[in-house]
Amino acid sequence: MNIQFSDGSNMIEFHHPEGERLQAAMPYGLSLALDGDQPLTLGLLANGFPGSVAFLDAIEVVLKSRRPSLTIARFDKGNASISAPEPLLEDIAVRCDGLIAAYGH
């Protein structure tokens, strides 16, 4: 973006730091309603970065304060440099109705 001054000069040029998208953003419809009475288990997955477990500790406190009956299942990938292993993903899928994945630094 250029800013043009009244004398016609372009003295300041701003560059947007994000690149152009090659594809339009596509919202997805995954959600988990926490406002009912049905029993729910929500997984919290730390990714292995320092602070990710502490961050999820705080998230758990807030979630439980708003819905005390919510069951929380904790998971920790343990190594931020790898994808979550298949056995971990299978365990999450079997045990949880939804998941919050978090990172920290």
N, C-alpha and C. Protein backbone atom coordinates (compact mmCIF):
# COMPACT_ATOMS: atom_id res chain seq x y z
N MET A 1 0.85 -1.15 0.00
CA MET A 1 0.00 0.00 0.00
C MET A 1 0.91 1.22 0.00
N ASN A 2 0.62 2.15 -0.86
CA ASN A 2 1.34 3.42 -0.89
C ASN A 2 0.47 4.50 -0.29
N ILE A 3 1.09 5.41 0.41
CA ILE A 3 0.39 6.60 0.88
C ILE A 3 0.86 7.75 0.03
N GLN A 4 -0.09 8.40 -0.62
CA GLN A 4 0.28 9.49 -1.50
C GLN A 4 -0.01 10.81 -0.80
N PHE A 5 0.96 11.69 -0.82
CA PHE A 5 0.81 12.99 -0.20
C PHE A 5 0.17 13.97 -1.18
N SER A 6 -0.30 15.10 -0.65
CA SER A 6 -1.01 16.07 -1.47
C SER A 6 -0.17 16.60 -2.63
N ASP A 7 1.15 16.57 -2.49
CA ASP A 7 2.00 17.03 -3.60
C ASP A 7 2.23 15.94 -4.65
N GLY A 8 1.59 14.78 -4.44
CA GLY A 8 1.69 13.70 -5.42
C GLY A 8 2.82 12.73 -5.17
N SER A 9 3.65 12.99 -4.19
CA SER A 9 4.78 12.10 -3.93
C SER A 9 4.35 10.89 -3.11
N ASN A 10 5.07 9.80 -3.29
CA ASN A 10 4.86 8.58 -2.52
C ASN A 10 6.07 8.41 -1.62
N MET A 11 6.02 8.94 -0.42
CA MET A 11 7.19 8.90 0.44
C MET A 11 7.16 7.73 1.41
N ILE A 12 5.99 7.18 1.68
CA ILE A 12 5.89 6.07 2.62
C ILE A 12 5.22 4.91 1.90
N GLU A 13 5.83 3.75 2.00
CA GLU A 13 5.24 2.56 1.41
C GLU A 13 5.14 1.49 2.50
N PHE A 14 3.95 0.95 2.69
CA PHE A 14 3.71 -0.10 3.67
C PHE A 14 3.58 -1.43 2.95
N HIS A 15 4.17 -2.44 3.53
CA HIS A 15 4.06 -3.79 2.98
C HIS A 15 3.30 -4.64 3.98
N HIS A 16 2.26 -5.28 3.51
CA HIS A 16 1.50 -6.20 4.34
C HIS A 16 2.36 -7.44 4.56
N PRO A 17 2.57 -7.88 5.83
CA PRO A 17 3.49 -8.99 6.08
C PRO A 17 2.96 -10.37 5.68
N GLU A 18 1.68 -10.48 5.40
CA GLU A 18 1.13 -11.78 5.01
C GLU A 18 1.13 -11.91 3.49
N GLY A 19 1.42 -13.08 3.04
CA GLY A 19 1.37 -13.33 1.61
C GLY A 19 -0.08 -13.44 1.13
N GLU A 20 -0.25 -13.44 -0.16
CA GLU A 20 -1.58 -13.61 -0.72
C GLU A 20 -1.98 -15.07 -0.62
N ARG A 21 -3.24 -15.31 -0.31
CA ARG A 21 -3.75 -16.68 -0.24
C ARG A 21 -3.94 -17.23 -1.65
N LEU A 22 -3.52 -18.45 -1.82
CA LEU A 22 -3.77 -19.11 -3.10
C LEU A 22 -5.16 -19.70 -3.14
N GLN A 23 -5.71 -19.98 -1.96
CA GLN A 23 -7.07 -20.50 -1.86
C GLN A 23 -7.82 -19.66 -0.84
N ALA A 24 -9.11 -19.54 -1.05
CA ALA A 24 -9.94 -18.82 -0.10
C ALA A 24 -10.00 -19.60 1.22
N ALA A 25 -10.08 -18.88 2.33
CA ALA A 25 -10.23 -19.53 3.63
C ALA A 25 -11.56 -20.26 3.66
N MET A 26 -11.54 -21.47 4.19
CA MET A 26 -12.77 -22.26 4.25
C MET A 26 -13.07 -22.58 5.71
N PRO A 27 -14.10 -21.94 6.25
CA PRO A 27 -14.45 -22.26 7.64
C PRO A 27 -14.94 -23.70 7.74
N TYR A 28 -14.70 -24.30 8.89
CA TYR A 28 -15.16 -25.67 9.10
C TYR A 28 -16.17 -25.68 10.23
N GLY A 29 -17.01 -26.68 10.23
CA GLY A 29 -18.14 -26.73 11.13
C GLY A 29 -17.94 -27.59 12.36
N LEU A 30 -16.70 -27.86 12.75
CA LEU A 30 -16.48 -28.67 13.94
C LEU A 30 -16.72 -27.82 15.18
N SER A 31 -17.50 -28.34 16.09
CA SER A 31 -17.74 -27.63 17.35
C SER A 31 -18.25 -28.62 18.38
N LEU A 32 -18.23 -28.18 19.62
CA LEU A 32 -18.73 -28.99 20.72
C LEU A 32 -19.46 -28.04 21.66
N ALA A 33 -20.76 -28.23 21.77
CA ALA A 33 -21.56 -27.38 22.65
C ALA A 33 -21.37 -27.82 24.10
N LEU A 34 -20.94 -26.91 24.93
CA LEU A 34 -20.69 -27.22 26.34
C LEU A 34 -21.82 -26.75 27.24
N ASP A 35 -22.90 -26.28 26.65
CA ASP A 35 -23.95 -25.67 27.45
C ASP A 35 -25.12 -26.60 27.79
N GLY A 36 -25.01 -27.87 27.56
CA GLY A 36 -26.09 -28.80 27.88
C GLY A 36 -25.81 -29.59 29.13
N ASP A 37 -26.68 -30.58 29.39
CA ASP A 37 -26.51 -31.45 30.55
C ASP A 37 -25.89 -32.79 30.21
N GLN A 38 -25.70 -33.05 28.92
CA GLN A 38 -25.16 -34.34 28.51
C GLN A 38 -23.73 -34.49 29.00
N PRO A 39 -23.34 -35.70 29.39
CA PRO A 39 -21.95 -35.91 29.82
C PRO A 39 -20.99 -35.76 28.63
N LEU A 40 -19.94 -35.02 28.85
CA LEU A 40 -18.95 -34.77 27.81
C LEU A 40 -17.55 -34.95 28.36
N THR A 41 -16.68 -35.44 27.50
CA THR A 41 -15.26 -35.50 27.82
C THR A 41 -14.52 -34.64 26.81
N LEU A 42 -13.78 -33.68 27.33
CA LEU A 42 -13.00 -32.79 26.49
C LEU A 42 -11.52 -33.08 26.72
N GLY A 43 -10.80 -33.35 25.65
CA GLY A 43 -9.37 -33.60 25.75
C GLY A 43 -8.58 -32.31 25.66
N LEU A 44 -7.49 -32.25 26.40
CA LEU A 44 -6.55 -31.13 26.33
C LEU A 44 -5.19 -31.71 25.95
N LEU A 45 -4.68 -31.33 24.80
CA LEU A 45 -3.44 -31.88 24.27
C LEU A 45 -2.33 -30.84 24.28
N ALA A 46 -1.33 -31.06 25.11
CA ALA A 46 -0.13 -30.22 25.12
C ALA A 46 0.81 -30.74 24.04
N ASN A 47 1.52 -29.83 23.39
CA ASN A 47 2.33 -30.26 22.26
C ASN A 47 3.80 -30.45 22.57
N GLY A 48 4.21 -30.25 23.80
CA GLY A 48 5.61 -30.47 24.14
C GLY A 48 6.45 -29.22 24.24
N PHE A 49 5.93 -28.06 23.81
CA PHE A 49 6.67 -26.82 24.01
C PHE A 49 6.60 -26.42 25.47
N PRO A 50 7.64 -25.78 25.97
CA PRO A 50 7.58 -25.29 27.35
C PRO A 50 6.38 -24.36 27.54
N GLY A 51 5.66 -24.58 28.61
CA GLY A 51 4.50 -23.73 28.90
C GLY A 51 3.19 -24.29 28.41
N SER A 52 3.20 -25.28 27.54
CA SER A 52 1.93 -25.77 26.99
C SER A 52 1.10 -26.48 28.06
N VAL A 53 1.75 -27.21 28.95
CA VAL A 53 1.01 -27.90 30.03
C VAL A 53 0.43 -26.86 31.00
N ALA A 54 1.24 -25.88 31.38
CA ALA A 54 0.76 -24.84 32.30
C ALA A 54 -0.40 -24.05 31.69
N PHE A 55 -0.32 -23.77 30.40
CA PHE A 55 -1.40 -23.08 29.72
C PHE A 55 -2.68 -23.90 29.79
N LEU A 56 -2.58 -25.20 29.52
CA LEU A 56 -3.77 -26.05 29.57
C LEU A 56 -4.27 -26.24 31.00
N ASP A 57 -3.39 -26.16 31.99
CA ASP A 57 -3.84 -26.17 33.39
C ASP A 57 -4.80 -25.01 33.62
N ALA A 58 -4.45 -23.83 33.12
CA ALA A 58 -5.29 -22.65 33.28
C ALA A 58 -6.60 -22.80 32.51
N ILE A 59 -6.53 -23.37 31.31
CA ILE A 59 -7.75 -23.60 30.51
C ILE A 59 -8.68 -24.56 31.24
N GLU A 60 -8.12 -25.60 31.83
CA GLU A 60 -8.93 -26.58 32.56
C GLU A 60 -9.65 -25.91 33.73
N VAL A 61 -8.97 -25.07 34.48
CA VAL A 61 -9.60 -24.38 35.62
C VAL A 61 -10.80 -23.56 35.14
N VAL A 62 -10.63 -22.83 34.06
CA VAL A 62 -11.73 -22.00 33.54
C VAL A 62 -12.88 -22.87 33.05
N LEU A 63 -12.56 -23.91 32.30
CA LEU A 63 -13.63 -24.80 31.79
C LEU A 63 -14.41 -25.44 32.94
N LYS A 64 -13.70 -25.94 33.94
CA LYS A 64 -14.37 -26.60 35.07
C LYS A 64 -15.16 -25.60 35.91
N SER A 65 -14.74 -24.36 35.96
CA SER A 65 -15.50 -23.35 36.71
C SER A 65 -16.81 -23.04 36.01
N ARG A 66 -16.83 -23.16 34.70
CA ARG A 66 -18.04 -22.88 33.94
C ARG A 66 -18.93 -24.09 33.77
N ARG A 67 -18.33 -25.28 33.78
CA ARG A 67 -19.11 -26.51 33.67
C ARG A 67 -18.44 -27.59 34.51
N PRO A 68 -18.77 -27.63 35.81
CA PRO A 68 -18.13 -28.57 36.74
C PRO A 68 -18.28 -30.04 36.36
N SER A 69 -19.35 -30.39 35.65
CA SER A 69 -19.56 -31.80 35.29
C SER A 69 -18.72 -32.25 34.10
N LEU A 70 -18.02 -31.33 33.47
CA LEU A 70 -17.20 -31.67 32.31
C LEU A 70 -16.04 -32.57 32.73
N THR A 71 -15.87 -33.66 32.01
CA THR A 71 -14.72 -34.53 32.25
C THR A 71 -13.58 -34.07 31.36
N ILE A 72 -12.41 -33.91 31.95
CA ILE A 72 -11.23 -33.49 31.21
C ILE A 72 -10.26 -34.67 31.10
N ALA A 73 -9.80 -34.95 29.89
CA ALA A 73 -8.77 -35.97 29.66
C ALA A 73 -7.52 -35.24 29.18
N ARG A 74 -6.41 -35.45 29.86
CA ARG A 74 -5.18 -34.74 29.53
C ARG A 74 -4.26 -35.63 28.70
N PHE A 75 -3.65 -35.00 27.71
CA PHE A 75 -2.72 -35.68 26.82
C PHE A 75 -1.51 -34.77 26.62
N ASP A 76 -0.36 -35.36 26.40
CA ASP A 76 0.85 -34.58 26.15
C ASP A 76 1.65 -35.28 25.07
N LYS A 77 1.82 -34.61 23.96
CA LYS A 77 2.59 -35.17 22.85
C LYS A 77 4.05 -35.34 23.23
N GLY A 78 4.54 -34.48 24.13
CA GLY A 78 5.87 -34.64 24.68
C GLY A 78 7.01 -34.13 23.84
N ASN A 79 6.83 -34.02 22.55
CA ASN A 79 7.90 -33.59 21.66
C ASN A 79 7.30 -32.68 20.60
N ALA A 80 7.62 -31.41 20.71
CA ALA A 80 7.03 -30.43 19.79
C ALA A 80 7.47 -30.60 18.34
N SER A 81 8.53 -31.35 18.11
CA SER A 81 9.07 -31.46 16.75
C SER A 81 8.47 -32.61 15.94
N ILE A 82 7.54 -33.35 16.53
CA ILE A 82 6.92 -34.48 15.79
C ILE A 82 5.42 -34.31 15.72
N SER A 83 4.82 -34.97 14.76
CA SER A 83 3.36 -35.04 14.70
C SER A 83 2.88 -35.95 15.82
N ALA A 84 1.65 -35.77 16.22
CA ALA A 84 1.09 -36.65 17.24
C ALA A 84 1.07 -38.09 16.71
N PRO A 85 1.61 -39.04 17.48
CA PRO A 85 1.64 -40.43 17.02
C PRO A 85 0.22 -41.01 16.87
N GLU A 86 0.07 -41.91 15.94
CA GLU A 86 -1.24 -42.54 15.67
C GLU A 86 -1.88 -43.13 16.92
N PRO A 87 -1.14 -43.87 17.77
CA PRO A 87 -1.78 -44.43 18.97
C PRO A 87 -2.35 -43.34 19.89
N LEU A 88 -1.67 -42.20 19.97
CA LEU A 88 -2.18 -41.09 20.77
C LEU A 88 -3.46 -40.53 20.15
N LEU A 89 -3.46 -40.34 18.85
CA LEU A 89 -4.65 -39.83 18.16
C LEU A 89 -5.82 -40.79 18.31
N GLU A 90 -5.56 -42.09 18.22
CA GLU A 90 -6.62 -43.09 18.39
C GLU A 90 -7.18 -43.03 19.80
N ASP A 91 -6.33 -42.90 20.80
CA ASP A 91 -6.77 -42.80 22.20
C ASP A 91 -7.64 -41.57 22.39
N ILE A 92 -7.23 -40.45 21.83
CA ILE A 92 -8.02 -39.22 21.93
C ILE A 92 -9.38 -39.42 21.27
N ALA A 93 -9.40 -40.00 20.07
CA ALA A 93 -10.66 -40.20 19.34
C ALA A 93 -11.63 -41.09 20.09
N VAL A 94 -11.11 -42.12 20.77
CA VAL A 94 -11.96 -43.05 21.51
C VAL A 94 -12.50 -42.42 22.79
N ARG A 95 -11.66 -41.67 23.48
CA ARG A 95 -12.01 -41.18 24.81
C ARG A 95 -12.71 -39.82 24.84
N CYS A 96 -12.59 -39.03 23.78
CA CYS A 96 -13.01 -37.63 23.87
C CYS A 96 -14.12 -37.27 22.88
N ASP A 97 -14.96 -36.35 23.31
CA ASP A 97 -15.98 -35.78 22.43
C ASP A 97 -15.43 -34.59 21.65
N GLY A 98 -14.40 -33.97 22.18
CA GLY A 98 -13.75 -32.82 21.55
C GLY A 98 -12.35 -32.67 22.11
N LEU A 99 -11.57 -31.80 21.50
CA LEU A 99 -10.17 -31.65 21.90
C LEU A 99 -9.74 -30.20 21.73
N ILE A 100 -8.97 -29.71 22.67
CA ILE A 100 -8.27 -28.45 22.52
C ILE A 100 -6.79 -28.80 22.47
N ALA A 101 -6.15 -28.44 21.37
CA ALA A 101 -4.70 -28.65 21.23
C ALA A 101 -4.03 -27.32 21.49
N ALA A 102 -2.98 -27.32 22.28
CA ALA A 102 -2.33 -26.07 22.65
C ALA A 102 -0.83 -26.17 22.51
N TYR A 103 -0.24 -25.01 22.39
CA TYR A 103 1.21 -24.92 22.36
C TYR A 103 1.64 -23.86 23.36
N GLY A 104 2.88 -23.81 23.66
CA GLY A 104 3.38 -22.81 24.58
C GLY A 104 4.80 -22.43 24.23
N HIS A 105 5.28 -21.40 24.83
CA HIS A 105 6.66 -20.94 24.64
C HIS A 105 7.07 -20.19 25.87
